[in-house]
Amino acid sequence: MFCVIYKSTRRDQTYLYVEKKDDFSRVPEELMKSFGQPQLAMILPLDGRKQLANASLDKVKQALTEQGYYLQMPPPPENLLKQHLQESGKK
């Protein structure tokens, strides 16, 4: 199984995984509008892989099979104040 990964032009660190290059037929229209013009990031074989960098391999495969796409959102922003307070023993 292969997947094609596109980077969003409107949302930082947001990626759309689809089964075939330039085939967005199973992606909801509203998602495509908010995603912007997809920029090809990479074509990736999923078979034989044990993991992906920022997404669950099992979730990606399941989403591609069931709905035809997987949307990878950016990680939540770090709360540096909370982290600092925890490290200094204050809560």
PDB file of N, CA and C in Angstrom:
ATOM      1  N   MET A   1       0.847  -1.184   0.000  1.00  0.00           N
ATOM      2  CA  MET A   1       0.000   0.000   0.000  1.00  0.00           C
ATOM      3  C   MET A   1       0.890   1.245   0.000  1.00  0.00           C
ATOM      4  N   PHE A   2       0.562   2.159  -0.883  1.00  0.00           N
ATOM      5  CA  PHE A   2       1.260   3.435  -0.964  1.00  0.00           C
ATOM      6  C   PHE A   2       0.313   4.538  -0.511  1.00  0.00           C
ATOM      7  N   CYS A   3       0.870   5.648  -0.094  1.00  0.00           N
ATOM      8  CA  CYS A   3       0.058   6.838   0.144  1.00  0.00           C
ATOM      9  C   CYS A   3       0.820   8.040  -0.409  1.00  0.00           C
ATOM     10  N   VAL A   4       0.048   9.025  -0.784  1.00  0.00           N
ATOM     11  CA  VAL A   4       0.617  10.255  -1.316  1.00  0.00           C
ATOM     12  C   VAL A   4       0.296  11.348  -0.306  1.00  0.00           C
ATOM     13  N   ILE A   5       1.305  12.090   0.098  1.00  0.00           N
ATOM     14  CA  ILE A   5       1.149  13.081   1.157  1.00  0.00           C
ATOM     15  C   ILE A   5       1.281  14.485   0.566  1.00  0.00           C
ATOM     16  N   TYR A   6       0.306  15.311   0.910  1.00  0.00           N
ATOM     17  CA  TYR A   6       0.274  16.702   0.436  1.00  0.00           C
ATOM     18  C   TYR A   6       0.323  17.643   1.628  1.00  0.00           C
ATOM     19  N   LYS A   7       1.021  18.743   1.438  1.00  0.00           N
ATOM     20  CA  LYS A   7       1.131  19.790   2.451  1.00  0.00           C
ATOM     21  C   LYS A   7       0.093  20.871   2.160  1.00  0.00           C
ATOM     22  N   SER A   8      -0.507  21.398   3.222  1.00  0.00           N
ATOM     23  CA  SER A   8      -1.484  22.468   3.062  1.00  0.00           C
ATOM     24  C   SER A   8      -0.790  23.801   2.803  1.00  0.00           C
ATOM     25  N   THR A   9      -1.404  24.609   1.941  1.00  0.00           N
ATOM     26  CA  THR A   9      -0.881  25.948   1.693  1.00  0.00           C
ATOM     27  C   THR A   9      -1.532  26.967   2.626  1.00  0.00           C
ATOM     28  N   ARG A  10      -2.555  26.552   3.355  1.00  0.00           N
ATOM     29  CA  ARG A  10      -3.258  27.474   4.253  1.00  0.00           C
ATOM     30  C   ARG A  10      -3.032  27.198   5.727  1.00  0.00           C
ATOM     31  N   ARG A  11      -2.678  25.974   6.058  1.00  0.00           N
ATOM     32  CA  ARG A  11      -2.517  25.594   7.464  1.00  0.00           C
ATOM     33  C   ARG A  11      -1.124  25.025   7.691  1.00  0.00           C
ATOM     34  N   ASP A  12      -0.377  25.674   8.550  1.00  0.00           N
ATOM     35  CA  ASP A  12       0.983  25.250   8.859  1.00  0.00           C
ATOM     36  C   ASP A  12       0.975  23.852   9.480  1.00  0.00           C
ATOM     37  N   GLN A  13       1.904  23.011   9.089  1.00  0.00           N
ATOM     38  CA  GLN A  13       2.102  21.670   9.608  1.00  0.00           C
ATOM     39  C   GLN A  13       0.863  20.784   9.470  1.00  0.00           C
ATOM     40  N   THR A  14       0.083  20.982   8.415  1.00  0.00           N
ATOM     41  CA  THR A  14      -1.095  20.170   8.158  1.00  0.00           C
ATOM     42  C   THR A  14      -0.883  19.416   6.852  1.00  0.00           C
ATOM     43  N   TYR A  15      -1.120  18.099   6.903  1.00  0.00           N
ATOM     44  CA  TYR A  15      -0.847  17.235   5.764  1.00  0.00           C
ATOM     45  C   TYR A  15      -2.062  16.354   5.465  1.00  0.00           C
ATOM     46  N   LEU A  16      -2.278  16.094   4.186  1.00  0.00           N
ATOM     47  CA  LEU A  16      -3.372  15.254   3.726  1.00  0.00           C
ATOM     48  C   LEU A  16      -2.777  14.035   3.033  1.00  0.00           C
ATOM     49  N   TYR A  17      -3.159  12.852   3.516  1.00  0.00           N
ATOM     50  CA  TYR A  17      -2.705  11.599   2.933  1.00  0.00           C
ATOM     51  C   TYR A  17      -3.845  11.045   2.077  1.00  0.00           C
ATOM     52  N   VAL A  18      -3.556  10.668   0.845  1.00  0.00           N
ATOM     53  CA  VAL A  18      -4.539  10.026  -0.041  1.00  0.00           C
ATOM     54  C   VAL A  18      -3.898   8.785  -0.666  1.00  0.00           C
ATOM     55  N   GLU A  19      -4.743   7.950  -1.280  1.00  0.00           N
ATOM     56  CA  GLU A  19      -4.267   6.680  -1.838  1.00  0.00           C
ATOM     57  C   GLU A  19      -3.563   6.835  -3.177  1.00  0.00           C
ATOM     58  N   LYS A  20      -4.031   7.771  -4.000  1.00  0.00           N
ATOM     59  CA  LYS A  20      -3.473   7.933  -5.342  1.00  0.00           C
ATOM     60  C   LYS A  20      -3.119   9.391  -5.599  1.00  0.00           C
ATOM     61  N   LYS A  21      -2.060   9.597  -6.361  1.00  0.00           N
ATOM     62  CA  LYS A  21      -1.594  10.940  -6.670  1.00  0.00           C
ATOM     63  C   LYS A  21      -2.694  11.752  -7.361  1.00  0.00           C
ATOM     64  N   ASP A  22      -2.931  12.934  -6.837  1.00  0.00           N
ATOM     65  CA  ASP A  22      -3.889  13.901  -7.381  1.00  0.00           C
ATOM     66  C   ASP A  22      -5.334  13.394  -7.404  1.00  0.00           C
ATOM     67  N   ASP A  23      -5.663  12.384  -6.593  1.00  0.00           N
ATOM     68  CA  ASP A  23      -7.034  11.882  -6.509  1.00  0.00           C
ATOM     69  C   ASP A  23      -7.635  12.305  -5.170  1.00  0.00           C
ATOM     70  N   PHE A  24      -8.408  13.381  -5.216  1.00  0.00           N
ATOM     71  CA  PHE A  24      -9.045  13.915  -4.016  1.00  0.00           C
ATOM     72  C   PHE A  24     -10.556  13.655  -4.036  1.00  0.00           C
ATOM     73  N   SER A  25     -10.973  12.668  -4.821  1.00  0.00           N
ATOM     74  CA  SER A  25     -12.400  12.402  -5.015  1.00  0.00           C
ATOM     75  C   SER A  25     -13.106  11.958  -3.738  1.00  0.00           C
ATOM     76  N   ARG A  26     -12.394  11.362  -2.804  1.00  0.00           N
ATOM     77  CA  ARG A  26     -13.015  10.899  -1.552  1.00  0.00           C
ATOM     78  C   ARG A  26     -12.832  11.893  -0.404  1.00  0.00           C
ATOM     79  N   VAL A  27     -12.171  13.003  -0.667  1.00  0.00           N
ATOM     80  CA  VAL A  27     -11.949  14.031   0.358  1.00  0.00           C
ATOM     81  C   VAL A  27     -13.127  15.014   0.318  1.00  0.00           C
ATOM     82  N   PRO A  28     -13.739  15.296   1.481  1.00  0.00           N
ATOM     83  CA  PRO A  28     -14.878  16.230   1.498  1.00  0.00           C
ATOM     84  C   PRO A  28     -14.508  17.597   0.918  1.00  0.00           C
ATOM     85  N   GLU A  29     -15.448  18.183   0.199  1.00  0.00           N
ATOM     86  CA  GLU A  29     -15.229  19.465  -0.469  1.00  0.00           C
ATOM     87  C   GLU A  29     -14.845  20.567   0.524  1.00  0.00           C
ATOM     88  N   GLU A  30     -15.509  20.600   1.678  1.00  0.00           N
ATOM     89  CA  GLU A  30     -15.202  21.632   2.681  1.00  0.00           C
ATOM     90  C   GLU A  30     -13.769  21.509   3.189  1.00  0.00           C
ATOM     91  N   LEU A  31     -13.305  20.277   3.356  1.00  0.00           N
ATOM     92  CA  LEU A  31     -11.919  20.063   3.787  1.00  0.00           C
ATOM     93  C   LEU A  31     -10.956  20.574   2.728  1.00  0.00           C
ATOM     94  N   MET A  32     -11.235  20.297   1.472  1.00  0.00           N
ATOM     95  CA  MET A  32     -10.359  20.762   0.399  1.00  0.00           C
ATOM     96  C   MET A  32     -10.325  22.289   0.331  1.00  0.00           C
ATOM     97  N   LYS A  33     -11.462  22.923   0.566  1.00  0.00           N
ATOM     98  CA  LYS A  33     -11.499  24.392   0.568  1.00  0.00           C
ATOM     99  C   LYS A  33     -10.636  24.967   1.682  1.00  0.00           C
ATOM    100  N   SER A  34     -10.737  24.395   2.876  1.00  0.00           N
ATOM    101  CA  SER A  34      -9.966  24.932   4.006  1.00  0.00           C
ATOM    102  C   SER A  34      -8.492  24.520   3.938  1.00  0.00           C
ATOM    103  N   PHE A  35      -8.203  23.424   3.235  1.00  0.00           N
ATOM    104  CA  PHE A  35      -6.825  22.936   3.109  1.00  0.00           C
ATOM    105  C   PHE A  35      -6.012  23.798   2.157  1.00  0.00           C
ATOM    106  N   GLY A  36      -6.672  24.348   1.157  1.00  0.00           N
ATOM    107  CA  GLY A  36      -5.960  25.153   0.167  1.00  0.00           C
ATOM    108  C   GLY A  36      -5.433  24.287  -0.959  1.00  0.00           C
ATOM    109  N   GLN A  37      -4.604  24.855  -1.811  1.00  0.00           N
ATOM    110  CA  GLN A  37      -4.015  24.121  -2.940  1.00  0.00           C
ATOM    111  C   GLN A  37      -3.004  23.113  -2.402  1.00  0.00           C
ATOM    112  N   PRO A  38      -3.263  21.811  -2.569  1.00  0.00           N
ATOM    113  CA  PRO A  38      -2.332  20.803  -2.042  1.00  0.00           C
ATOM    114  C   PRO A  38      -0.974  20.862  -2.743  1.00  0.00           C
ATOM    115  N   GLN A  39       0.080  20.800  -1.955  1.00  0.00           N
ATOM    116  CA  GLN A  39       1.441  20.752  -2.493  1.00  0.00           C
ATOM    117  C   GLN A  39       2.006  19.362  -2.214  1.00  0.00           C
ATOM    118  N   LEU A  40       2.420  18.652  -3.256  1.00  0.00           N
ATOM    119  CA  LEU A  40       2.959  17.313  -3.093  1.00  0.00           C
ATOM    120  C   LEU A  40       4.179  17.348  -2.167  1.00  0.00           C
ATOM    121  N   ALA A  41       4.124  16.561  -1.109  1.00  0.00           N
ATOM    122  CA  ALA A  41       5.247  16.483  -0.173  1.00  0.00           C
ATOM    123  C   ALA A  41       6.066  15.216  -0.423  1.00  0.00           C
ATOM    124  N   MET A  42       5.357  14.063  -0.559  1.00  0.00           N
ATOM    125  CA  MET A  42       6.073  12.808  -0.817  1.00  0.00           C
ATOM    126  C   MET A  42       5.108  11.685  -1.151  1.00  0.00           C
ATOM    127  N   ILE A  43       5.653  10.652  -1.762  1.00  0.00           N
ATOM    128  CA  ILE A  43       4.935   9.405  -1.990  1.00  0.00           C
ATOM    129  C   ILE A  43       5.627   8.381  -1.106  1.00  0.00           C
ATOM    130  N   LEU A  44       4.831   7.672  -0.310  1.00  0.00           N
ATOM    131  CA  LEU A  44       5.409   6.840   0.736  1.00  0.00           C
ATOM    132  C   LEU A  44       4.811   5.437   0.717  1.00  0.00           C
ATOM    133  N   PRO A  45       5.642   4.395   0.657  1.00  0.00           N
ATOM    134  CA  PRO A  45       5.109   3.034   0.791  1.00  0.00           C
ATOM    135  C   PRO A  45       4.802   2.761   2.268  1.00  0.00           C
ATOM    136  N   LEU A  46       3.623   2.243   2.545  1.00  0.00           N
ATOM    137  CA  LEU A  46       3.240   1.959   3.926  1.00  0.00           C
ATOM    138  C   LEU A  46       3.535   0.517   4.317  1.00  0.00           C
ATOM    139  N   ASP A  47       3.507  -0.383   3.346  1.00  0.00           N
ATOM    140  CA  ASP A  47       3.793  -1.788   3.637  1.00  0.00           C
ATOM    141  C   ASP A  47       5.254  -1.948   4.043  1.00  0.00           C
ATOM    142  N   GLY A  48       5.483  -2.744   5.062  1.00  0.00           N
ATOM    143  CA  GLY A  48       6.837  -2.980   5.545  1.00  0.00           C
ATOM    144  C   GLY A  48       7.343  -1.939   6.531  1.00  0.00           C
ATOM    145  N   ARG A  49       6.584  -0.863   6.716  1.00  0.00           N
ATOM    146  CA  ARG A  49       6.975   0.168   7.679  1.00  0.00           C
ATOM    147  C   ARG A  49       6.479  -0.224   9.064  1.00  0.00           C
ATOM    148  N   LYS A  50       7.218   0.166  10.076  1.00  0.00           N
ATOM    149  CA  LYS A  50       6.789  -0.092  11.448  1.00  0.00           C
ATOM    150  C   LYS A  50       6.127   1.128  12.059  1.00  0.00           C
ATOM    151  N   GLN A  51       6.479   2.310  11.560  1.00  0.00           N
ATOM    152  CA  GLN A  51       5.905   3.544  12.106  1.00  0.00           C
ATOM    153  C   GLN A  51       6.079   4.701  11.137  1.00  0.00           C
ATOM    154  N   LEU A  52       5.356   5.768  11.419  1.00  0.00           N
ATOM    155  CA  LEU A  52       5.488   7.028  10.688  1.00  0.00           C
ATOM    156  C   LEU A  52       5.987   8.076  11.672  1.00  0.00           C
ATOM    157  N   ALA A  53       6.519   9.164  11.169  1.00  0.00           N
ATOM    158  CA  ALA A  53       7.111  10.191  12.038  1.00  0.00           C
ATOM    159  C   ALA A  53       6.088  10.857  12.958  1.00  0.00           C
ATOM    160  N   ASN A  54       4.984  11.344  12.412  1.00  0.00           N
ATOM    161  CA  ASN A  54       4.046  12.119  13.218  1.00  0.00           C
ATOM    162  C   ASN A  54       2.609  11.627  13.134  1.00  0.00           C
ATOM    163  N   ALA A  55       2.425  10.381  12.739  1.00  0.00           N
ATOM    164  CA  ALA A  55       1.081   9.823  12.640  1.00  0.00           C
ATOM    165  C   ALA A  55       1.143   8.335  12.946  1.00  0.00           C
ATOM    166  N   SER A  56       0.048   7.797  13.438  1.00  0.00           N
ATOM    167  CA  SER A  56      -0.045   6.373  13.720  1.00  0.00           C
ATOM    168  C   SER A  56      -0.217   5.605  12.411  1.00  0.00           C
ATOM    169  N   LEU A  57       0.664   4.677  12.147  1.00  0.00           N
ATOM    170  CA  LEU A  57       0.611   3.892  10.916  1.00  0.00           C
ATOM    171  C   LEU A  57      -0.726   3.164  10.788  1.00  0.00           C
ATOM    172  N   ASP A  58      -1.202   2.566  11.876  1.00  0.00           N
ATOM    173  CA  ASP A  58      -2.476   1.848  11.844  1.00  0.00           C
ATOM    174  C   ASP A  58      -3.643   2.784  11.550  1.00  0.00           C
ATOM    175  N   LYS A  59      -3.643   3.972  12.150  1.00  0.00           N
ATOM    176  CA  LYS A  59      -4.721   4.936  11.918  1.00  0.00           C
ATOM    177  C   LYS A  59      -4.709   5.437  10.478  1.00  0.00           C
ATOM    178  N   VAL A  60      -3.529   5.659   9.936  1.00  0.00           N
ATOM    179  CA  VAL A  60      -3.411   6.119   8.545  1.00  0.00           C
ATOM    180  C   VAL A  60      -3.951   5.057   7.595  1.00  0.00           C
ATOM    181  N   LYS A  61      -3.528   3.812   7.769  1.00  0.00           N
ATOM    182  CA  LYS A  61      -3.999   2.726   6.905  1.00  0.00           C
ATOM    183  C   LYS A  61      -5.511   2.556   7.010  1.00  0.00           C
ATOM    184  N   GLN A  62      -6.022   2.586   8.224  1.00  0.00           N
ATOM    185  CA  GLN A  62      -7.462   2.425   8.432  1.00  0.00           C
ATOM    186  C   GLN A  62      -8.246   3.559   7.779  1.00  0.00           C
ATOM    187  N   ALA A  63      -7.789   4.800   7.976  1.00  0.00           N
ATOM    188  CA  ALA A  63      -8.479   5.959   7.402  1.00  0.00           C
ATOM    189  C   ALA A  63      -8.442   5.914   5.871  1.00  0.00           C
ATOM    190  N   LEU A  64      -7.302   5.536   5.296  1.00  0.00           N
ATOM    191  CA  LEU A  64      -7.202   5.449   3.843  1.00  0.00           C
ATOM    192  C   LEU A  64      -8.160   4.391   3.288  1.00  0.00           C
ATOM    193  N   THR A  65      -8.257   3.271   3.969  1.00  0.00           N
ATOM    194  CA  THR A  65      -9.145   2.195   3.520  1.00  0.00           C
ATOM    195  C   THR A  65     -10.612   2.585   3.673  1.00  0.00           C
ATOM    196  N   GLU A  66     -10.970   3.128   4.832  1.00  0.00           N
ATOM    197  CA  GLU A  66     -12.372   3.402   5.134  1.00  0.00           C
ATOM    198  C   GLU A  66     -12.908   4.683   4.501  1.00  0.00           C
ATOM    199  N   GLN A  67     -12.127   5.759   4.545  1.00  0.00           N
ATOM    200  CA  GLN A  67     -12.652   7.035   4.050  1.00  0.00           C
ATOM    201  C   GLN A  67     -11.889   7.610   2.878  1.00  0.00           C
ATOM    202  N   GLY A  68     -10.744   7.026   2.561  1.00  0.00           N
ATOM    203  CA  GLY A  68     -10.007   7.463   1.376  1.00  0.00           C
ATOM    204  C   GLY A  68      -9.005   8.572   1.619  1.00  0.00           C
ATOM    205  N   TYR A  69      -8.878   9.046   2.849  1.00  0.00           N
ATOM    206  CA  TYR A  69      -7.901  10.083   3.174  1.00  0.00           C
ATOM    207  C   TYR A  69      -7.598  10.062   4.671  1.00  0.00           C
ATOM    208  N   TYR A  70      -6.485  10.685   5.030  1.00  0.00           N
ATOM    209  CA  TYR A  70      -6.118  10.886   6.435  1.00  0.00           C
ATOM    210  C   TYR A  70      -5.613  12.315   6.551  1.00  0.00           C
ATOM    211  N   LEU A  71      -6.089  13.037   7.536  1.00  0.00           N
ATOM    212  CA  LEU A  71      -5.665  14.415   7.757  1.00  0.00           C
ATOM    213  C   LEU A  71      -4.768  14.475   8.986  1.00  0.00           C
ATOM    214  N   GLN A  72      -3.533  14.909   8.797  1.00  0.00           N
ATOM    215  CA  GLN A  72      -2.587  15.065   9.906  1.00  0.00           C
ATOM    216  C   GLN A  72      -2.552  16.526  10.312  1.00  0.00           C
ATOM    217  N   MET A  73      -2.990  16.785  11.529  1.00  0.00           N
ATOM    218  CA  MET A  73      -3.014  18.146  12.071  1.00  0.00           C
ATOM    219  C   MET A  73      -1.708  18.433  12.808  1.00  0.00           C
ATOM    220  N   PRO A  74      -1.383  19.717  13.000  1.00  0.00           N
ATOM    221  CA  PRO A  74      -0.155  20.045  13.735  1.00  0.00           C
ATOM    222  C   PRO A  74      -0.295  19.669  15.206  1.00  0.00           C
ATOM    223  N   PRO A  75       0.825  19.407  15.864  1.00  0.00           N
ATOM    224  CA  PRO A  75       0.755  19.110  17.300  1.00  0.00           C
ATOM    225  C   PRO A  75       0.283  20.355  18.061  1.00  0.00           C
ATOM    226  N   PRO A  76      -0.323  20.149  19.235  1.00  0.00           N
ATOM    227  CA  PRO A  76      -0.758  21.315  20.010  1.00  0.00           C
ATOM    228  C   PRO A  76       0.454  22.157  20.423  1.00  0.00           C
ATOM    229  N   PRO A  77       0.268  23.458  20.553  1.00  0.00           N
ATOM    230  CA  PRO A  77       1.402  24.308  20.943  1.00  0.00           C
ATOM    231  C   PRO A  77       1.846  23.987  22.366  1.00  0.00           C
ATOM    232  N   GLU A  78       3.134  24.115  22.577  1.00  0.00           N
ATOM    233  CA  GLU A  78       3.675  23.861  23.900  1.00  0.00           C
ATOM    234  C   GLU A  78       3.278  24.990  24.848  1.00  0.00           C
ATOM    235  N   ASN A  79       2.932  24.616  26.062  1.00  0.00           N
ATOM    236  CA  ASN A  79       2.661  25.601  27.097  1.00  0.00           C
ATOM    237  C   ASN A  79       3.944  25.730  27.919  1.00  0.00           C
ATOM    238  N   LEU A  80       4.802  26.661  27.519  1.00  0.00           N
ATOM    239  CA  LEU A  80       6.111  26.790  28.158  1.00  0.00           C
ATOM    240  C   LEU A  80       6.014  27.254  29.605  1.00  0.00           C
ATOM    241  N   LEU A  81       5.020  28.083  29.922  1.00  0.00           N
ATOM    242  CA  LEU A  81       4.844  28.523  31.302  1.00  0.00           C
ATOM    243  C   LEU A  81       4.492  27.337  32.195  1.00  0.00           C
ATOM    244  N   LYS A  82       3.562  26.519  31.761  1.00  0.00           N
ATOM    245  CA  LYS A  82       3.165  25.341  32.537  1.00  0.00           C
ATOM    246  C   LYS A  82       4.351  24.398  32.722  1.00  0.00           C
ATOM    247  N   GLN A  83       5.107  24.197  31.656  1.00  0.00           N
ATOM    248  CA  GLN A  83       6.280  23.334  31.725  1.00  0.00           C
ATOM    249  C   GLN A  83       7.300  23.894  32.711  1.00  0.00           C
ATOM    250  N   HIS A  84       7.539  25.185  32.682  1.00  0.00           N
ATOM    251  CA  HIS A  84       8.491  25.810  33.585  1.00  0.00           C
ATOM    252  C   HIS A  84       8.040  25.661  35.042  1.00  0.00           C
ATOM    253  N   LEU A  85       6.751  25.899  35.291  1.00  0.00           N
ATOM    254  CA  LEU A  85       6.245  25.799  36.651  1.00  0.00           C
ATOM    255  C   LEU A  85       6.330  24.382  37.169  1.00  0.00           C
ATOM    256  N   GLN A  86       6.073  23.392  36.342  1.00  0.00           N
ATOM    257  CA  GLN A  86       6.182  22.005  36.765  1.00  0.00           C
ATOM    258  C   GLN A  86       7.629  21.638  37.074  1.00  0.00           C
ATOM    259  N   GLU A  87       8.539  22.123  36.263  1.00  0.00           N
ATOM    260  CA  GLU A  87       9.952  21.823  36.482  1.00  0.00           C
ATOM    261  C   GLU A  87      10.487  22.506  37.725  1.00  0.00           C
ATOM    262  N   SER A  88       9.936  23.650  38.068  1.00  0.00           N
ATOM    263  CA  SER A  88      10.422  24.350  39.258  1.00  0.00           C
ATOM    264  C   SER A  88       9.659  23.943  40.520  1.00  0.00           C
ATOM    265  N   GLY A  89       8.729  22.973  40.380  1.00  0.00           N
ATOM    266  CA  GLY A  89       8.015  22.460  41.539  1.00  0.00           C
ATOM    267  C   GLY A  89       6.768  23.237  41.916  1.00  0.00           C
ATOM    268  N   LYS A  90       6.358  24.203  41.130  1.00  0.00           N
ATOM    269  CA  LYS A  90       5.154  24.987  41.389  1.00  0.00           C
ATOM    270  C   LYS A  90       4.052  24.511  40.465  1.00  0.00           C
ATOM    271  N   LYS A  91       2.845  24.376  41.036  1.00  0.00           N
ATOM    272  CA  LYS A  91       1.729  23.936  40.181  1.00  0.00           C
ATOM    273  C   LYS A  91       0.569  24.861  40.291  1.00  0.00           C
TER     274      LYS A  91
END
